[in-house]
Amino acid sequence: MLKQDDQIDQEFDGLMRKLITYMMEDPRTISASIDLVFVAKAIERVGDHAKNLAEQIIYIVKGTDVRHTSLENGRSIVR
């Protein structure tokens, strides 16, 4: 889950760069681009919530807080 959250964050950042480029090239795309920004931000927040749930489940089951640990350390705790 932590790896997938990082991937979602990278996709979100890439989309923002593309939309900014489109809006600078053609101002008529600003309205549609802003709608896409809101959709992308909502999807990114869903990923953040899923990550938070996964971290809470690990804490409940294993008794270890993995919120501020590396991906590899989190994997070793889960196993």
N, C-alpha and C. Protein backbone atom coordinates (compact mmCIF):
# COMPACT_ATOMS: atom_id res chain seq x y z
N MET A 1 0.83 -1.19 0.00
CA MET A 1 0.00 0.00 0.00
C MET A 1 0.87 1.26 0.00
N LEU A 2 1.97 1.23 0.76
CA LEU A 2 2.83 2.41 0.82
C LEU A 2 3.47 2.70 -0.54
N LYS A 3 3.85 1.65 -1.24
CA LYS A 3 4.45 1.81 -2.56
C LYS A 3 3.43 2.38 -3.55
N GLN A 4 2.21 1.87 -3.47
CA GLN A 4 1.16 2.35 -4.37
C GLN A 4 0.81 3.81 -4.08
N ASP A 5 0.87 4.21 -2.82
CA ASP A 5 0.60 5.62 -2.49
C ASP A 5 1.66 6.52 -3.11
N ASP A 6 2.91 6.09 -3.08
CA ASP A 6 3.97 6.87 -3.73
C ASP A 6 3.73 6.99 -5.23
N GLN A 7 3.25 5.91 -5.84
CA GLN A 7 2.98 5.92 -7.28
C GLN A 7 1.83 6.89 -7.59
N ILE A 8 0.80 6.88 -6.77
CA ILE A 8 -0.32 7.81 -6.97
C ILE A 8 0.16 9.25 -6.85
N ASP A 9 1.02 9.51 -5.86
CA ASP A 9 1.55 10.87 -5.69
C ASP A 9 2.37 11.30 -6.91
N GLN A 10 3.16 10.40 -7.46
CA GLN A 10 3.95 10.73 -8.65
C GLN A 10 3.05 11.00 -9.85
N GLU A 11 2.01 10.20 -10.02
CA GLU A 11 1.07 10.41 -11.12
C GLU A 11 0.36 11.76 -10.97
N PHE A 12 -0.01 12.09 -9.75
CA PHE A 12 -0.67 13.37 -9.48
C PHE A 12 0.25 14.53 -9.86
N ASP A 13 1.50 14.46 -9.45
CA ASP A 13 2.47 15.51 -9.77
C ASP A 13 2.66 15.64 -11.28
N GLY A 14 2.74 14.51 -11.98
CA GLY A 14 2.90 14.53 -13.43
C GLY A 14 1.69 15.15 -14.12
N LEU A 15 0.51 14.81 -13.65
CA LEU A 15 -0.71 15.37 -14.23
C LEU A 15 -0.76 16.88 -14.01
N MET A 16 -0.36 17.33 -12.84
CA MET A 16 -0.36 18.77 -12.57
C MET A 16 0.57 19.50 -13.54
N ARG A 17 1.74 18.94 -13.78
CA ARG A 17 2.68 19.56 -14.72
C ARG A 17 2.08 19.64 -16.12
N LYS A 18 1.44 18.56 -16.55
CA LYS A 18 0.83 18.55 -17.89
C LYS A 18 -0.30 19.57 -17.99
N LEU A 19 -1.14 19.62 -16.97
CA LEU A 19 -2.27 20.55 -17.01
C LEU A 19 -1.79 22.00 -17.01
N ILE A 20 -0.77 22.29 -16.24
CA ILE A 20 -0.23 23.65 -16.23
C ILE A 20 0.30 24.02 -17.61
N THR A 21 0.98 23.06 -18.26
CA THR A 21 1.49 23.31 -19.60
C THR A 21 0.35 23.59 -20.58
N TYR A 22 -0.72 22.77 -20.51
CA TYR A 22 -1.86 22.98 -21.40
C TYR A 22 -2.50 24.35 -21.16
N MET A 23 -2.63 24.72 -19.89
CA MET A 23 -3.27 26.00 -19.58
C MET A 23 -2.42 27.18 -20.05
N MET A 24 -1.10 27.05 -19.97
CA MET A 24 -0.23 28.13 -20.45
C MET A 24 -0.27 28.24 -21.96
N GLU A 25 -0.37 27.11 -22.65
CA GLU A 25 -0.38 27.11 -24.11
C GLU A 25 -1.70 27.62 -24.68
N ASP A 26 -2.80 27.26 -24.02
CA ASP A 26 -4.13 27.65 -24.53
C ASP A 26 -5.03 28.00 -23.34
N PRO A 27 -5.22 29.24 -23.06
CA PRO A 27 -6.03 29.66 -21.92
C PRO A 27 -7.48 29.15 -21.96
N ARG A 28 -7.95 28.75 -23.12
CA ARG A 28 -9.32 28.22 -23.21
C ARG A 28 -9.47 26.89 -22.48
N THR A 29 -8.36 26.22 -22.18
CA THR A 29 -8.42 24.93 -21.49
C THR A 29 -8.41 25.07 -19.96
N ILE A 30 -8.36 26.29 -19.46
CA ILE A 30 -8.25 26.50 -18.01
C ILE A 30 -9.45 25.91 -17.27
N SER A 31 -10.63 26.16 -17.73
CA SER A 31 -11.83 25.69 -17.04
C SER A 31 -11.85 24.16 -16.94
N ALA A 32 -11.62 23.49 -18.04
CA ALA A 32 -11.61 22.03 -18.03
C ALA A 32 -10.44 21.49 -17.20
N SER A 33 -9.31 22.17 -17.27
CA SER A 33 -8.14 21.73 -16.50
C SER A 33 -8.37 21.83 -15.01
N ILE A 34 -9.04 22.88 -14.59
CA ILE A 34 -9.33 23.03 -13.16
C ILE A 34 -10.26 21.92 -12.68
N ASP A 35 -11.22 21.55 -13.50
CA ASP A 35 -12.08 20.41 -13.15
C ASP A 35 -11.25 19.14 -12.97
N LEU A 36 -10.29 18.92 -13.85
CA LEU A 36 -9.43 17.74 -13.74
C LEU A 36 -8.54 17.81 -12.50
N VAL A 37 -8.12 19.00 -12.13
CA VAL A 37 -7.31 19.16 -10.91
C VAL A 37 -8.11 18.71 -9.69
N PHE A 38 -9.37 19.10 -9.60
CA PHE A 38 -10.20 18.69 -8.47
C PHE A 38 -10.41 17.18 -8.45
N VAL A 39 -10.63 16.58 -9.60
CA VAL A 39 -10.80 15.13 -9.67
C VAL A 39 -9.51 14.41 -9.25
N ALA A 40 -8.39 14.87 -9.78
CA ALA A 40 -7.11 14.25 -9.46
C ALA A 40 -6.79 14.39 -7.97
N LYS A 41 -7.09 15.54 -7.40
CA LYS A 41 -6.83 15.76 -5.97
C LYS A 41 -7.70 14.83 -5.13
N ALA A 42 -8.94 14.61 -5.54
CA ALA A 42 -9.83 13.71 -4.81
C ALA A 42 -9.29 12.28 -4.85
N ILE A 43 -8.82 11.86 -6.01
CA ILE A 43 -8.26 10.51 -6.14
C ILE A 43 -7.00 10.38 -5.29
N GLU A 44 -6.19 11.42 -5.27
CA GLU A 44 -4.96 11.40 -4.46
C GLU A 44 -5.31 11.30 -2.98
N ARG A 45 -6.37 11.97 -2.56
CA ARG A 45 -6.80 11.90 -1.16
C ARG A 45 -7.33 10.51 -0.81
N VAL A 46 -8.00 9.85 -1.74
CA VAL A 46 -8.46 8.48 -1.50
C VAL A 46 -7.26 7.58 -1.25
N GLY A 47 -6.21 7.77 -2.03
CA GLY A 47 -4.98 7.00 -1.82
C GLY A 47 -4.37 7.27 -0.46
N ASP A 48 -4.39 8.53 -0.03
CA ASP A 48 -3.86 8.87 1.29
C ASP A 48 -4.68 8.21 2.41
N HIS A 49 -5.99 8.22 2.25
CA HIS A 49 -6.85 7.58 3.25
C HIS A 49 -6.62 6.06 3.29
N ALA A 50 -6.45 5.45 2.14
CA ALA A 50 -6.17 4.00 2.10
C ALA A 50 -4.85 3.69 2.80
N LYS A 51 -3.86 4.53 2.57
CA LYS A 51 -2.56 4.36 3.24
C LYS A 51 -2.72 4.48 4.76
N ASN A 52 -3.48 5.48 5.20
CA ASN A 52 -3.71 5.66 6.63
C ASN A 52 -4.41 4.46 7.24
N LEU A 53 -5.39 3.93 6.54
CA LEU A 53 -6.09 2.73 7.03
C LEU A 53 -5.15 1.54 7.13
N ALA A 54 -4.30 1.37 6.12
CA ALA A 54 -3.34 0.26 6.14
C ALA A 54 -2.39 0.40 7.33
N GLU A 55 -1.93 1.62 7.60
CA GLU A 55 -1.04 1.84 8.73
C GLU A 55 -1.73 1.56 10.05
N GLN A 56 -3.00 1.93 10.16
CA GLN A 56 -3.75 1.67 11.39
C GLN A 56 -3.98 0.18 11.59
N ILE A 57 -4.25 -0.55 10.51
CA ILE A 57 -4.45 -1.99 10.61
C ILE A 57 -3.17 -2.68 11.06
N ILE A 58 -2.03 -2.24 10.51
CA ILE A 58 -0.74 -2.81 10.93
C ILE A 58 -0.53 -2.54 12.43
N TYR A 59 -0.88 -1.35 12.87
CA TYR A 59 -0.71 -1.03 14.28
C TYR A 59 -1.61 -1.90 15.15
N ILE A 60 -2.85 -2.10 14.73
CA ILE A 60 -3.79 -2.92 15.51
C ILE A 60 -3.33 -4.36 15.57
N VAL A 61 -2.89 -4.91 14.45
CA VAL A 61 -2.51 -6.32 14.38
C VAL A 61 -1.13 -6.57 14.98
N LYS A 62 -0.16 -5.75 14.63
CA LYS A 62 1.23 -5.99 15.04
C LYS A 62 1.66 -5.17 16.26
N GLY A 63 0.94 -4.09 16.56
CA GLY A 63 1.32 -3.24 17.68
C GLY A 63 2.52 -2.36 17.39
N THR A 64 2.82 -2.15 16.11
CA THR A 64 3.98 -1.34 15.71
C THR A 64 3.51 -0.18 14.84
N ASP A 65 4.01 1.00 15.17
CA ASP A 65 3.68 2.20 14.39
C ASP A 65 4.61 2.28 13.19
N VAL A 66 4.05 2.20 11.98
CA VAL A 66 4.86 2.22 10.75
C VAL A 66 4.70 3.52 9.98
N ARG A 67 4.10 4.52 10.60
CA ARG A 67 3.82 5.77 9.88
C ARG A 67 5.06 6.50 9.43
N HIS A 68 6.11 6.45 10.20
CA HIS A 68 7.31 7.24 9.88
C HIS A 68 8.52 6.34 9.66
N THR A 69 8.28 5.19 9.06
CA THR A 69 9.38 4.26 8.78
C THR A 69 9.54 4.11 7.27
N SER A 70 10.66 3.52 6.88
CA SER A 70 10.91 3.31 5.46
C SER A 70 10.03 2.18 4.93
N LEU A 71 9.95 2.09 3.62
CA LEU A 71 9.15 1.05 2.98
C LEU A 71 9.67 -0.34 3.34
N GLU A 72 10.97 -0.50 3.32
CA GLU A 72 11.57 -1.81 3.64
C GLU A 72 11.33 -2.19 5.09
N ASN A 73 11.44 -1.23 5.99
CA ASN A 73 11.19 -1.51 7.40
C ASN A 73 9.72 -1.90 7.60
N GLY A 74 8.83 -1.22 6.92
CA GLY A 74 7.40 -1.56 7.01
C GLY A 74 7.12 -2.96 6.50
N ARG A 75 7.78 -3.36 5.42
CA ARG A 75 7.60 -4.72 4.89
C ARG A 75 8.08 -5.78 5.89
N SER A 76 9.21 -5.52 6.54
CA SER A 76 9.72 -6.50 7.48
C SER A 76 8.82 -6.64 8.69
N ILE A 77 8.17 -5.55 9.10
CA ILE A 77 7.24 -5.59 10.23
C ILE A 77 6.01 -6.40 9.88
N VAL A 78 5.51 -6.24 8.67
CA VAL A 78 4.29 -6.94 8.25
C VAL A 78 4.49 -8.43 8.14
N ARG A 79 5.68 -8.85 7.74
CA ARG A 79 5.92 -10.28 7.57
C ARG A 79 6.01 -10.99 8.84
